[in-house]
């Protein structure tokens, strides 16, 4: 499983990881192109879907900008990893940086702190949004529930695999 490669103490195959990142970058580029295509295809149809003209224009701009950002990000990820695979010095430097135990521990702690902080911010957002909109409260409750479910599922998966 790909999660084992990220979190286990087993040796890391850096070349495979770079190839996986290239595939991931290709996927991001494809999703970006789909977002741009969706924005362009539905541009004139947005005013029919939304009662307000400004909402349709916002949705068009949102999908278009999201698509451009994803496409650019995916292309940069592909380019960077191809460069790393071709240059032995960059490859060695990247491999040392990723396999260093201290860096891996810092990364895991960073994810843990970010996760706890996000859960706390979602909770505070739910408390504050009750004064603003019931829809926002419900949305944050669903996001929090999905987040808690993912934490629970990953905890069980990791307990079984370790």
Protein backbone atom coordinates (compact mmCIF):
# COMPACT_ATOMS: atom_id res chain seq x y z
CA UNK A 1 0.00 0.00 0.00
CA UNK A 2 1.25 3.49 -0.82
CA UNK A 3 0.66 4.69 2.75
CA UNK A 4 3.21 2.17 3.98
CA UNK A 5 5.81 3.82 1.76
CA UNK A 6 5.08 7.18 3.36
CA UNK A 7 4.96 6.25 7.03
CA UNK A 8 6.92 3.05 7.62
CA UNK A 9 10.53 2.83 8.64
CA UNK A 10 11.34 0.56 5.72
CA UNK A 11 13.87 1.71 3.12
CA UNK A 12 12.51 4.18 0.60
CA UNK A 13 12.92 3.60 -3.11
CA UNK A 14 13.46 7.23 -4.10
CA UNK A 15 13.31 6.58 -7.85
CA UNK A 16 9.90 4.88 -7.52
CA UNK A 17 8.69 7.73 -5.36
CA UNK A 18 9.73 10.26 -8.03
CA UNK A 19 7.96 8.21 -10.71
CA UNK A 20 4.86 8.09 -8.51
CA UNK A 21 5.01 11.89 -8.19
CA UNK A 22 5.24 12.21 -11.96
CA UNK A 23 2.09 10.08 -12.33
CA UNK A 24 0.41 12.17 -9.65
CA UNK A 25 1.41 15.33 -11.55
CA UNK A 26 -0.10 13.94 -14.75
CA UNK A 27 -3.32 13.26 -12.84
CA UNK A 28 -3.37 16.82 -11.50
CA UNK A 29 -2.82 18.20 -15.01
CA UNK A 30 -5.73 16.11 -16.31
CA UNK A 31 -7.98 17.35 -13.49
CA UNK A 32 -6.91 20.92 -14.22
CA UNK A 33 -7.75 20.56 -17.90
CA UNK A 34 -11.14 19.08 -16.95
CA UNK A 35 -11.80 22.09 -14.67
CA UNK A 36 -10.89 24.52 -17.46
CA UNK A 37 -13.04 22.58 -19.93
CA UNK A 38 -15.95 22.60 -17.49
CA UNK A 39 -15.63 26.35 -16.98
CA UNK A 40 -15.50 27.05 -20.71
CA UNK A 41 -18.30 24.60 -21.57
CA UNK A 42 -20.69 25.91 -18.93
CA UNK A 43 -19.77 29.59 -19.20
CA UNK A 44 -22.89 30.62 -21.09
CA UNK A 45 -25.05 28.12 -19.23
CA UNK A 46 -24.11 29.39 -15.75
CA UNK A 47 -26.69 32.17 -15.77
CA UNK A 48 -29.40 29.55 -16.35
CA UNK A 49 -28.17 27.44 -13.42
CA UNK A 50 -27.94 30.37 -11.01
CA UNK A 51 -30.53 33.02 -10.34
CA UNK A 52 -27.89 35.72 -10.09
CA UNK A 53 -25.67 36.59 -13.01
CA UNK A 54 -22.76 37.40 -10.69
CA UNK A 55 -22.86 33.89 -9.17
CA UNK A 56 -22.50 32.32 -12.61
CA UNK A 57 -19.55 34.56 -13.42
CA UNK A 58 -17.93 33.74 -10.08
CA UNK A 59 -18.31 30.00 -10.70
CA UNK A 60 -16.78 30.37 -14.16
CA UNK A 61 -13.81 32.33 -12.81
CA UNK A 62 -13.39 29.90 -9.92
CA UNK A 63 -13.23 26.78 -12.12
CA UNK A 64 -11.06 28.49 -14.71
CA UNK A 65 -8.53 29.75 -12.15
CA UNK A 66 -8.59 26.42 -10.31
CA UNK A 67 -7.90 24.61 -13.58
CA UNK A 68 -5.02 26.90 -14.50
CA UNK A 69 -3.51 26.54 -11.03
CA UNK A 70 -3.81 22.75 -11.04
CA UNK A 71 -2.40 22.45 -14.55
CA UNK A 72 0.56 24.70 -13.73
CA UNK A 73 1.20 22.94 -10.44
CA UNK A 74 1.05 19.50 -12.05
CA UNK A 75 3.41 20.53 -14.84
CA UNK A 76 5.87 21.96 -12.31
CA UNK A 77 5.71 18.73 -10.27
CA UNK A 78 6.39 16.65 -13.40
CA UNK A 79 9.25 18.90 -14.53
CA UNK A 80 10.91 18.95 -11.12
CA UNK A 81 10.79 15.17 -10.67
CA UNK A 82 12.05 14.52 -14.20
CA UNK A 83 14.95 16.87 -13.48
CA UNK A 84 15.69 15.06 -10.22
CA UNK A 85 15.67 11.67 -11.96
CA UNK A 86 18.04 12.88 -14.72
CA UNK A 87 20.58 14.66 -12.49
CA UNK A 88 22.49 12.26 -10.18
CA UNK A 89 23.52 15.06 -7.80
CA UNK A 90 19.93 16.27 -7.34
CA UNK A 91 18.77 12.68 -7.00
CA UNK A 92 21.30 11.94 -4.27
CA UNK A 93 20.49 15.17 -2.40
CA UNK A 94 16.74 14.48 -2.57
CA UNK A 95 17.20 10.88 -1.49
CA UNK A 96 19.27 11.91 1.54
CA UNK A 97 16.74 14.59 2.49
CA UNK A 98 13.79 12.20 2.29
CA UNK A 99 15.40 9.20 3.96
CA UNK A 100 16.90 11.15 6.86
CA UNK A 101 15.17 9.98 10.04
CA UNK A 102 15.05 13.46 11.53
CA UNK A 103 13.34 14.88 8.45
CA UNK A 104 10.82 12.03 8.42
CA UNK A 105 10.04 12.53 12.10
CA UNK A 106 9.62 16.28 11.57
CA UNK A 107 7.26 15.59 8.68
CA UNK A 108 5.13 13.21 10.73
CA UNK A 109 4.95 15.65 13.63
CA UNK A 110 4.07 18.46 11.24
CA UNK A 111 1.17 16.42 9.85
CA UNK A 112 0.01 15.56 13.38
CA UNK A 113 0.12 19.18 14.59
CA UNK A 114 -1.60 20.40 11.43
CA UNK A 115 -4.29 17.75 11.83
CA UNK A 116 -5.00 18.64 15.46
CA UNK A 117 -5.02 22.33 14.62
CA UNK A 118 -7.42 21.78 11.75
CA UNK A 119 -9.80 19.83 13.97
CA UNK A 120 -9.70 22.64 16.55
CA UNK A 121 -10.28 25.31 13.87
CA UNK A 122 -13.24 23.36 12.48
CA UNK A 123 -14.72 23.20 15.97
CA UNK A 124 -14.19 26.93 16.58
CA UNK A 125 -15.63 27.64 13.14
CA UNK A 126 -18.75 25.67 14.00
CA UNK A 127 -19.17 27.63 17.23
CA UNK A 128 -18.72 31.01 15.53
CA UNK A 129 -20.72 30.22 12.39
CA UNK A 130 -23.86 29.56 14.42
CA UNK A 131 -24.25 33.32 14.57
CA UNK A 132 -23.85 33.66 10.81
CA UNK A 133 -25.63 30.86 8.97
CA UNK A 134 -27.15 27.47 9.66
CA UNK A 135 -25.87 26.29 6.28
CA UNK A 136 -22.30 27.09 7.25
CA UNK A 137 -22.73 25.25 10.58
CA UNK A 138 -24.08 22.18 8.82
CA UNK A 139 -21.30 22.26 6.23
CA UNK A 140 -18.62 22.49 8.92
CA UNK A 141 -20.30 19.70 10.88
CA UNK A 142 -20.17 17.43 7.83
CA UNK A 143 -16.54 18.33 7.16
CA UNK A 144 -15.68 17.63 10.81
CA UNK A 145 -17.52 14.31 10.74
CA UNK A 146 -15.74 13.21 7.56
CA UNK A 147 -12.42 14.33 9.03
CA UNK A 148 -13.05 12.36 12.24
CA UNK A 149 -14.10 9.32 10.21
CA UNK A 150 -10.90 9.50 8.16
CA UNK A 151 -8.83 9.75 11.35
CA UNK A 152 -10.59 6.69 12.73
CA UNK A 153 -10.22 4.67 9.51
CA UNK A 154 -6.54 5.48 9.07
CA UNK A 155 -5.87 4.67 12.71
CA UNK A 156 -7.44 1.24 12.28
CA UNK A 157 -5.59 0.61 9.00
CA UNK A 158 -2.26 1.57 10.53
CA UNK A 159 -2.88 -0.52 13.65
CA UNK A 160 -3.53 -3.57 11.48
CA UNK A 161 -0.52 -3.04 9.25
CA UNK A 162 2.01 -2.34 12.00
